[in-house]
PDB file of N, CA and C in Angstrom:
ATOM      1  N   MET A   1       2.394   0.343  20.177  1.00  0.00           N
ATOM      2  CA  MET A   1       2.201   1.001  18.899  1.00  0.00           C
ATOM      3  C   MET A   1       2.706   0.076  17.786  1.00  0.00           C
ATOM      4  N   GLU A   2       1.956  -0.026  16.712  1.00  0.00           N
ATOM      5  CA  GLU A   2       2.302  -0.899  15.594  1.00  0.00           C
ATOM      6  C   GLU A   2       3.353  -0.236  14.705  1.00  0.00           C
ATOM      7  N   SER A   3       4.317  -1.028  14.258  1.00  0.00           N
ATOM      8  CA  SER A   3       5.385  -0.510  13.406  1.00  0.00           C
ATOM      9  C   SER A   3       4.873  -0.293  11.988  1.00  0.00           C
ATOM     10  N   THR A   4       5.293   0.819  11.369  1.00  0.00           N
ATOM     11  CA  THR A   4       4.926   1.092   9.983  1.00  0.00           C
ATOM     12  C   THR A   4       6.043   0.683   9.038  1.00  0.00           C
ATOM     13  N   GLU A   5       7.098   0.094   9.585  1.00  0.00           N
ATOM     14  CA  GLU A   5       8.233  -0.340   8.785  1.00  0.00           C
ATOM     15  C   GLU A   5       7.842  -1.563   7.961  1.00  0.00           C
ATOM     16  N   LYS A   6       8.130  -1.513   6.663  1.00  0.00           N
ATOM     17  CA  LYS A   6       7.791  -2.624   5.773  1.00  0.00           C
ATOM     18  C   LYS A   6       8.965  -3.592   5.689  1.00  0.00           C
ATOM     19  N   LYS A   7       8.648  -4.868   5.702  1.00  0.00           N
ATOM     20  CA  LYS A   7       9.684  -5.883   5.589  1.00  0.00           C
ATOM     21  C   LYS A   7      10.075  -6.032   4.125  1.00  0.00           C
ATOM     22  N   VAL A   8      11.364  -6.055   3.864  1.00  0.00           N
ATOM     23  CA  VAL A   8      11.879  -6.222   2.508  1.00  0.00           C
ATOM     24  C   VAL A   8      12.635  -7.545   2.448  1.00  0.00           C
ATOM     25  N   ILE A   9      12.264  -8.372   1.495  1.00  0.00           N
ATOM     26  CA  ILE A   9      12.943  -9.647   1.284  1.00  0.00           C
ATOM     27  C   ILE A   9      13.616  -9.586  -0.078  1.00  0.00           C
ATOM     28  N   LYS A  10      14.924  -9.754  -0.089  1.00  0.00           N
ATOM     29  CA  LYS A  10      15.674  -9.730  -1.340  1.00  0.00           C
ATOM     30  C   LYS A  10      15.754 -11.141  -1.904  1.00  0.00           C
ATOM     31  N   PHE A  11      15.542 -11.235  -3.208  1.00  0.00           N
ATOM     32  CA  PHE A  11      15.530 -12.539  -3.870  1.00  0.00           C
ATOM     33  C   PHE A  11      16.820 -13.303  -3.592  1.00  0.00           C
ATOM     34  N   GLU A  12      17.921 -12.641  -3.714  1.00  0.00           N
ATOM     35  CA  GLU A  12      19.223 -13.294  -3.534  1.00  0.00           C
ATOM     36  C   GLU A  12      19.360 -13.906  -2.139  1.00  0.00           C
ATOM     37  N   ASP A  13      18.710 -13.294  -1.146  1.00  0.00           N
ATOM     38  CA  ASP A  13      18.786 -13.799   0.228  1.00  0.00           C
ATOM     39  C   ASP A  13      18.017 -15.104   0.428  1.00  0.00           C
ATOM     40  N   VAL A  14      17.017 -15.370  -0.418  1.00  0.00           N
ATOM     41  CA  VAL A  14      16.203 -16.579  -0.256  1.00  0.00           C
ATOM     42  C   VAL A  14      16.305 -17.538  -1.448  1.00  0.00           C
ATOM     43  N   LYS A  15      17.148 -17.201  -2.409  1.00  0.00           N
ATOM     44  CA  LYS A  15      17.265 -18.022  -3.625  1.00  0.00           C
ATOM     45  C   LYS A  15      17.619 -19.472  -3.298  1.00  0.00           C
ATOM     46  N   LYS A  16      18.592 -19.701  -2.423  1.00  0.00           N
ATOM     47  CA  LYS A  16      18.989 -21.070  -2.086  1.00  0.00           C
ATOM     48  C   LYS A  16      17.835 -21.816  -1.431  1.00  0.00           C
ATOM     49  N   ASP A  17      17.113 -21.152  -0.539  1.00  0.00           N
ATOM     50  CA  ASP A  17      15.955 -21.772   0.114  1.00  0.00           C
ATOM     51  C   ASP A  17      14.883 -22.144  -0.907  1.00  0.00           C
ATOM     52  N   ILE A  18      14.652 -21.275  -1.885  1.00  0.00           N
ATOM     53  CA  ILE A  18      13.670 -21.551  -2.944  1.00  0.00           C
ATOM     54  C   ILE A  18      14.098 -22.767  -3.747  1.00  0.00           C
ATOM     55  N   LEU A  19      15.365 -22.794  -4.173  1.00  0.00           N
ATOM     56  CA  LEU A  19      15.860 -23.932  -4.960  1.00  0.00           C
ATOM     57  C   LEU A  19      15.780 -25.228  -4.167  1.00  0.00           C
ATOM     58  N   ASP A  20      16.154 -25.184  -2.887  1.00  0.00           N
ATOM     59  CA  ASP A  20      16.059 -26.382  -2.035  1.00  0.00           C
ATOM     60  C   ASP A  20      14.616 -26.854  -1.938  1.00  0.00           C
ATOM     61  N   ALA A  21      13.687 -25.928  -1.718  1.00  0.00           N
ATOM     62  CA  ALA A  21      12.273 -26.287  -1.595  1.00  0.00           C
ATOM     63  C   ALA A  21      11.734 -26.870  -2.894  1.00  0.00           C
ATOM     64  N   LEU A  22      12.114 -26.286  -4.022  1.00  0.00           N
ATOM     65  CA  LEU A  22      11.656 -26.807  -5.313  1.00  0.00           C
ATOM     66  C   LEU A  22      12.213 -28.205  -5.564  1.00  0.00           C
ATOM     67  N   ASN A  23      13.469 -28.418  -5.214  1.00  0.00           N
ATOM     68  CA  ASN A  23      14.088 -29.730  -5.421  1.00  0.00           C
ATOM     69  C   ASN A  23      13.493 -30.802  -4.514  1.00  0.00           C
ATOM     70  N   ASN A  24      12.950 -30.412  -3.362  1.00  0.00           N
ATOM     71  CA  ASN A  24      12.365 -31.373  -2.426  1.00  0.00           C
ATOM     72  C   ASN A  24      10.882 -31.638  -2.678  1.00  0.00           C
ATOM     73  N   ARG A  25      10.286 -30.909  -3.608  1.00  0.00           N
ATOM     74  CA  ARG A  25       8.870 -31.105  -3.943  1.00  0.00           C
ATOM     75  C   ARG A  25       8.761 -31.969  -5.193  1.00  0.00           C
ATOM     76  N   ARG A  26       7.651 -32.624  -5.318  1.00  0.00           N
ATOM     77  CA  ARG A  26       7.396 -33.424  -6.518  1.00  0.00           C
ATOM     78  C   ARG A  26       6.569 -32.603  -7.497  1.00  0.00           C
ATOM     79  N   ILE A  27       7.222 -31.656  -8.114  1.00  0.00           N
ATOM     80  CA  ILE A  27       6.564 -30.809  -9.100  1.00  0.00           C
ATOM     81  C   ILE A  27       6.649 -31.517 -10.442  1.00  0.00           C
ATOM     82  N   LYS A  28       5.499 -31.686 -11.087  1.00  0.00           N
ATOM     83  CA  LYS A  28       5.451 -32.446 -12.335  1.00  0.00           C
ATOM     84  C   LYS A  28       5.581 -31.527 -13.542  1.00  0.00           C
ATOM     85  N   ILE A  29       6.815 -31.166 -13.826  1.00  0.00           N
ATOM     86  CA  ILE A  29       7.125 -30.386 -15.029  1.00  0.00           C
ATOM     87  C   ILE A  29       7.990 -31.298 -15.879  1.00  0.00           C
ATOM     88  N   THR A  30       7.602 -31.470 -17.130  1.00  0.00           N
ATOM     89  CA  THR A  30       8.260 -32.481 -17.973  1.00  0.00           C
ATOM     90  C   THR A  30       9.409 -31.941 -18.815  1.00  0.00           C
ATOM     91  N   GLU A  31       9.883 -30.760 -18.523  1.00  0.00           N
ATOM     92  CA  GLU A  31      11.008 -30.196 -19.265  1.00  0.00           C
ATOM     93  C   GLU A  31      11.952 -29.506 -18.287  1.00  0.00           C
ATOM     94  N   PRO A  32      13.187 -29.289 -18.689  1.00  0.00           N
ATOM     95  CA  PRO A  32      14.097 -28.517 -17.830  1.00  0.00           C
ATOM     96  C   PRO A  32      13.572 -27.088 -17.677  1.00  0.00           C
ATOM     97  N   VAL A  33      13.782 -26.506 -16.506  1.00  0.00           N
ATOM     98  CA  VAL A  33      13.313 -25.145 -16.240  1.00  0.00           C
ATOM     99  C   VAL A  33      14.430 -24.307 -15.637  1.00  0.00           C
ATOM    100  N   THR A  34      14.280 -23.004 -15.757  1.00  0.00           N
ATOM    101  CA  THR A  34      15.199 -22.042 -15.173  1.00  0.00           C
ATOM    102  C   THR A  34      14.421 -21.172 -14.201  1.00  0.00           C
ATOM    103  N   LEU A  35      14.954 -21.006 -13.001  1.00  0.00           N
ATOM    104  CA  LEU A  35      14.355 -20.097 -12.019  1.00  0.00           C
ATOM    105  C   LEU A  35      14.729 -18.671 -12.408  1.00  0.00           C
ATOM    106  N   LEU A  36      13.730 -17.836 -12.643  1.00  0.00           N
ATOM    107  CA  LEU A  36      14.013 -16.440 -12.971  1.00  0.00           C
ATOM    108  C   LEU A  36      14.376 -15.701 -11.694  1.00  0.00           C
ATOM    109  N   GLU A  37      15.339 -14.814 -11.791  1.00  0.00           N
ATOM    110  CA  GLU A  37      15.976 -14.166 -10.633  1.00  0.00           C
ATOM    111  C   GLU A  37      15.177 -12.968 -10.132  1.00  0.00           C
ATOM    112  N   GLY A  38      14.028 -13.229  -9.552  1.00  0.00           N
ATOM    113  CA  GLY A  38      13.218 -12.163  -8.991  1.00  0.00           C
ATOM    114  C   GLY A  38      11.847 -12.672  -8.599  1.00  0.00           C
ATOM    115  N   PHE A  39      11.057 -11.798  -8.019  1.00  0.00           N
ATOM    116  CA  PHE A  39       9.703 -12.140  -7.599  1.00  0.00           C
ATOM    117  C   PHE A  39       8.688 -11.563  -8.568  1.00  0.00           C
ATOM    118  N   VAL A  40       7.528 -12.173  -8.602  1.00  0.00           N
ATOM    119  CA  VAL A  40       6.375 -11.658  -9.329  1.00  0.00           C
ATOM    120  C   VAL A  40       5.323 -11.337  -8.274  1.00  0.00           C
ATOM    121  N   ASN A  41       4.707 -10.184  -8.356  1.00  0.00           N
ATOM    122  CA  ASN A  41       3.634  -9.811  -7.443  1.00  0.00           C
ATOM    123  C   ASN A  41       2.369  -9.679  -8.265  1.00  0.00           C
ATOM    124  N   GLU A  42       1.537 -10.688  -8.219  1.00  0.00           N
ATOM    125  CA  GLU A  42       0.328 -10.718  -9.036  1.00  0.00           C
ATOM    126  C   GLU A  42      -0.856 -10.149  -8.247  1.00  0.00           C
ATOM    127  N   PRO A  43      -1.481  -9.079  -8.759  1.00  0.00           N
ATOM    128  CA  PRO A  43      -2.637  -8.532  -8.061  1.00  0.00           C
ATOM    129  C   PRO A  43      -3.851  -9.444  -8.207  1.00  0.00           C
ATOM    130  N   PHE A  44      -4.738  -9.396  -7.234  1.00  0.00           N
ATOM    131  CA  PHE A  44      -6.012 -10.092  -7.375  1.00  0.00           C
ATOM    132  C   PHE A  44      -7.111  -9.234  -6.780  1.00  0.00           C
ATOM    133  N   ALA A  45      -8.319  -9.457  -7.268  1.00  0.00           N
ATOM    134  CA  ALA A  45      -9.460  -8.658  -6.824  1.00  0.00           C
ATOM    135  C   ALA A  45     -10.695  -9.546  -6.733  1.00  0.00           C
ATOM    136  N   LYS A  46     -11.660  -9.113  -5.953  1.00  0.00           N
ATOM    137  CA  LYS A  46     -12.896  -9.871  -5.777  1.00  0.00           C
ATOM    138  C   LYS A  46     -13.962  -9.483  -6.790  1.00  0.00           C
ATOM    139  N   GLU A  47     -13.657  -8.503  -7.624  1.00  0.00           N
ATOM    140  CA  GLU A  47     -14.600  -8.098  -8.673  1.00  0.00           C
ATOM    141  C   GLU A  47     -13.827  -7.545  -9.859  1.00  0.00           C
ATOM    142  N   LEU A  48     -14.461  -7.559 -11.008  1.00  0.00           N
ATOM    143  CA  LEU A  48     -13.852  -7.034 -12.234  1.00  0.00           C
ATOM    144  C   LEU A  48     -14.582  -5.776 -12.656  1.00  0.00           C
ATOM    145  N   SER A  49     -13.829  -4.846 -13.220  1.00  0.00           N
ATOM    146  CA  SER A  49     -14.434  -3.649 -13.795  1.00  0.00           C
ATOM    147  C   SER A  49     -13.585  -3.238 -14.990  1.00  0.00           C
ATOM    148  N   SER A  50     -14.030  -2.226 -15.684  1.00  0.00           N
ATOM    149  CA  SER A  50     -13.296  -1.782 -16.866  1.00  0.00           C
ATOM    150  C   SER A  50     -12.145  -0.849 -16.522  1.00  0.00           C
ATOM    151  N   SER A  51     -11.975  -0.515 -15.249  1.00  0.00           N
ATOM    152  CA  SER A  51     -10.885   0.374 -14.854  1.00  0.00           C
ATOM    153  C   SER A  51      -9.706  -0.431 -14.303  1.00  0.00           C
ATOM    154  N   PHE A  52      -8.542   0.163 -14.373  1.00  0.00           N
ATOM    155  CA  PHE A  52      -7.316  -0.454 -13.889  1.00  0.00           C
ATOM    156  C   PHE A  52      -7.166  -0.143 -12.405  1.00  0.00           C
ATOM    157  N   LEU A  53      -6.946  -1.168 -11.598  1.00  0.00           N
ATOM    158  CA  LEU A  53      -6.823  -1.002 -10.164  1.00  0.00           C
ATOM    159  C   LEU A  53      -5.354  -0.849  -9.777  1.00  0.00           C
ATOM    160  N   ILE A  54      -5.038   0.198  -9.050  1.00  0.00           N
ATOM    161  CA  ILE A  54      -3.690   0.395  -8.542  1.00  0.00           C
ATOM    162  C   ILE A  54      -3.747   0.169  -7.033  1.00  0.00           C
ATOM    163  N   GLY A  55      -2.819  -0.641  -6.549  1.00  0.00           N
ATOM    164  CA  GLY A  55      -2.839  -0.988  -5.138  1.00  0.00           C
ATOM    165  C   GLY A  55      -3.704  -2.213  -4.913  1.00  0.00           C
ATOM    166  N   GLY A  56      -3.899  -2.560  -3.682  1.00  0.00           N
ATOM    167  CA  GLY A  56      -4.712  -3.719  -3.365  1.00  0.00           C
ATOM    168  C   GLY A  56      -3.859  -4.941  -3.098  1.00  0.00           C
ATOM    169  N   PRO A  57      -4.516  -6.060  -2.795  1.00  0.00           N
ATOM    170  CA  PRO A  57      -3.791  -7.267  -2.425  1.00  0.00           C
ATOM    171  C   PRO A  57      -3.065  -7.908  -3.612  1.00  0.00           C
ATOM    172  N   THR A  58      -1.966  -8.568  -3.310  1.00  0.00           N
ATOM    173  CA  THR A  58      -1.202  -9.288  -4.327  1.00  0.00           C
ATOM    174  C   THR A  58      -0.785 -10.647  -3.789  1.00  0.00           C
ATOM    175  N   VAL A  59      -0.381 -11.515  -4.698  1.00  0.00           N
ATOM    176  CA  VAL A  59       0.171 -12.818  -4.343  1.00  0.00           C
ATOM    177  C   VAL A  59       1.631 -12.824  -4.778  1.00  0.00           C
ATOM    178  N   PRO A  60       2.588 -12.813  -3.845  1.00  0.00           N
ATOM    179  CA  PRO A  60       3.994 -12.901  -4.215  1.00  0.00           C
ATOM    180  C   PRO A  60       4.290 -14.301  -4.764  1.00  0.00           C
ATOM    181  N   MET A  61       5.003 -14.357  -5.874  1.00  0.00           N
ATOM    182  CA  MET A  61       5.285 -15.631  -6.538  1.00  0.00           C
ATOM    183  C   MET A  61       6.719 -15.698  -7.034  1.00  0.00           C
ATOM    184  N   ILE A  62       7.127 -16.937  -7.333  1.00  0.00           N
ATOM    185  CA  ILE A  62       8.371 -17.143  -8.066  1.00  0.00           C
ATOM    186  C   ILE A  62       7.990 -17.693  -9.437  1.00  0.00           C
ATOM    187  N   MET A  63       8.904 -17.542 -10.386  1.00  0.00           N
ATOM    188  CA  MET A  63       8.613 -17.929 -11.757  1.00  0.00           C
ATOM    189  C   MET A  63       9.692 -18.865 -12.280  1.00  0.00           C
ATOM    190  N   LEU A  64       9.242 -19.966 -12.872  1.00  0.00           N
ATOM    191  CA  LEU A  64      10.136 -20.874 -13.587  1.00  0.00           C
ATOM    192  C   LEU A  64       9.821 -20.742 -15.070  1.00  0.00           C
ATOM    193  N   LEU A  65      10.853 -20.773 -15.884  1.00  0.00           N
ATOM    194  CA  LEU A  65      10.693 -20.670 -17.333  1.00  0.00           C
ATOM    195  C   LEU A  65      11.091 -21.987 -17.960  1.00  0.00           C
ATOM    196  N   GLY A  66      10.178 -22.572 -18.738  1.00  0.00           N
ATOM    197  CA  GLY A  66      10.472 -23.820 -19.441  1.00  0.00           C
ATOM    198  C   GLY A  66      11.548 -23.577 -20.489  1.00  0.00           C
ATOM    199  N   ASP A  67      12.666 -24.294 -20.374  1.00  0.00           N
ATOM    200  CA  ASP A  67      13.800 -24.068 -21.268  1.00  0.00           C
ATOM    201  C   ASP A  67      13.485 -24.425 -22.718  1.00  0.00           C
ATOM    202  N   GLU A  68      12.602 -25.380 -22.941  1.00  0.00           N
ATOM    203  CA  GLU A  68      12.288 -25.813 -24.306  1.00  0.00           C
ATOM    204  C   GLU A  68      11.041 -25.129 -24.860  1.00  0.00           C
ATOM    205  N   SER A  69      10.011 -25.005 -24.030  1.00  0.00           N
ATOM    206  CA  SER A  69       8.725 -24.495 -24.519  1.00  0.00           C
ATOM    207  C   SER A  69       8.557 -22.995 -24.332  1.00  0.00           C
ATOM    208  N   GLY A  70       9.284 -22.422 -23.388  1.00  0.00           N
ATOM    209  CA  GLY A  70       9.072 -21.023 -23.054  1.00  0.00           C
ATOM    210  C   GLY A  70       7.870 -20.821 -22.142  1.00  0.00           C
ATOM    211  N   GLN A  71       7.237 -21.912 -21.728  1.00  0.00           N
ATOM    212  CA  GLN A  71       6.099 -21.817 -20.825  1.00  0.00           C
ATOM    213  C   GLN A  71       6.555 -21.266 -19.484  1.00  0.00           C
ATOM    214  N   ILE A  72       5.696 -20.466 -18.868  1.00  0.00           N
ATOM    215  CA  ILE A  72       5.987 -19.876 -17.562  1.00  0.00           C
ATOM    216  C   ILE A  72       5.189 -20.630 -16.504  1.00  0.00           C
ATOM    217  N   TYR A  73       5.874 -21.037 -15.442  1.00  0.00           N
ATOM    218  CA  TYR A  73       5.260 -21.719 -14.311  1.00  0.00           C
ATOM    219  C   TYR A  73       5.368 -20.794 -13.107  1.00  0.00           C
ATOM    220  N   LEU A  74       4.234 -20.473 -12.487  1.00  0.00           N
ATOM    221  CA  LEU A  74       4.205 -19.592 -11.327  1.00  0.00           C
ATOM    222  C   LEU A  74       3.858 -20.399 -10.086  1.00  0.00           C
ATOM    223  N   PHE A  75       4.548 -20.102  -8.970  1.00  0.00           N
ATOM    224  CA  PHE A  75       4.299 -20.758  -7.698  1.00  0.00           C
ATOM    225  C   PHE A  75       4.220 -19.696  -6.612  1.00  0.00           C
ATOM    226  N   ALA A  76       3.188 -19.770  -5.794  1.00  0.00           N
ATOM    227  CA  ALA A  76       3.043 -18.833  -4.681  1.00  0.00           C
ATOM    228  C   ALA A  76       4.244 -18.983  -3.753  1.00  0.00           C
ATOM    229  N   LEU A  77       4.864 -17.881  -3.411  1.00  0.00           N
ATOM    230  CA  LEU A  77       6.047 -17.892  -2.558  1.00  0.00           C
ATOM    231  C   LEU A  77       5.744 -18.541  -1.211  1.00  0.00           C
ATOM    232  N   LYS A  78       4.571 -18.286  -0.648  1.00  0.00           N
ATOM    233  CA  LYS A  78       4.188 -18.871   0.644  1.00  0.00           C
ATOM    234  C   LYS A  78       4.025 -20.388   0.544  1.00  0.00           C
ATOM    235  N   ALA A  79       3.681 -20.910  -0.623  1.00  0.00           N
ATOM    236  CA  ALA A  79       3.565 -22.361  -0.796  1.00  0.00           C
ATOM    237  C   ALA A  79       4.949 -22.983  -0.871  1.00  0.00           C
ATOM    238  N   ILE A  80       5.904 -22.271  -1.430  1.00  0.00           N
ATOM    239  CA  ILE A  80       7.278 -22.775  -1.546  1.00  0.00           C
ATOM    240  C   ILE A  80       8.023 -22.606  -0.229  1.00  0.00           C
ATOM    241  N   LEU A  81       7.881 -21.437   0.389  1.00  0.00           N
ATOM    242  CA  LEU A  81       8.543 -21.121   1.663  1.00  0.00           C
ATOM    243  C   LEU A  81       7.486 -20.674   2.680  1.00  0.00           C
ATOM    244  N   PRO A  82       6.782 -21.606   3.308  1.00  0.00           N
ATOM    245  CA  PRO A  82       5.672 -21.239   4.198  1.00  0.00           C
ATOM    246  C   PRO A  82       6.064 -20.346   5.374  1.00  0.00           C
ATOM    247  N   ASN A  83       7.304 -20.376   5.800  1.00  0.00           N
ATOM    248  CA  ASN A  83       7.734 -19.584   6.965  1.00  0.00           C
ATOM    249  C   ASN A  83       8.446 -18.294   6.592  1.00  0.00           C
ATOM    250  N   ILE A  84       8.260 -17.813   5.374  1.00  0.00           N
ATOM    251  CA  ILE A  84       9.015 -16.654   4.916  1.00  0.00           C
ATOM    252  C   ILE A  84       8.661 -15.364   5.670  1.00  0.00           C
ATOM    253  N   GLY A  85       7.494 -15.276   6.251  1.00  0.00           N
ATOM    254  CA  GLY A  85       7.161 -14.135   7.091  1.00  0.00           C
ATOM    255  C   GLY A  85       6.790 -12.879   6.351  1.00  0.00           C
ATOM    256  N   ILE A  86       6.013 -13.011   5.302  1.00  0.00           N
ATOM    257  CA  ILE A  86       5.509 -11.818   4.592  1.00  0.00           C
ATOM    258  C   ILE A  86       4.022 -11.702   4.808  1.00  0.00           C
TER     259      ILE A  86
END
């Protein structure tokens, strides 16, 4: 029988792993950035309509904020931590 229990990943539990992964990648950002303390879950859909969709697939991400420009940089969590198990 398949478990209906949902896996919960707390940001604080993986923050060090995220920072280590970001520091080991050659990300070309030309300004200092701050890692925002939480996840972003961006919905995506295969079609557009004039109605708002609740539910459906999402892409879990982390967010960096440009300290000088205020620009937001989003990275798919699975690309940063491929073995995270979500």
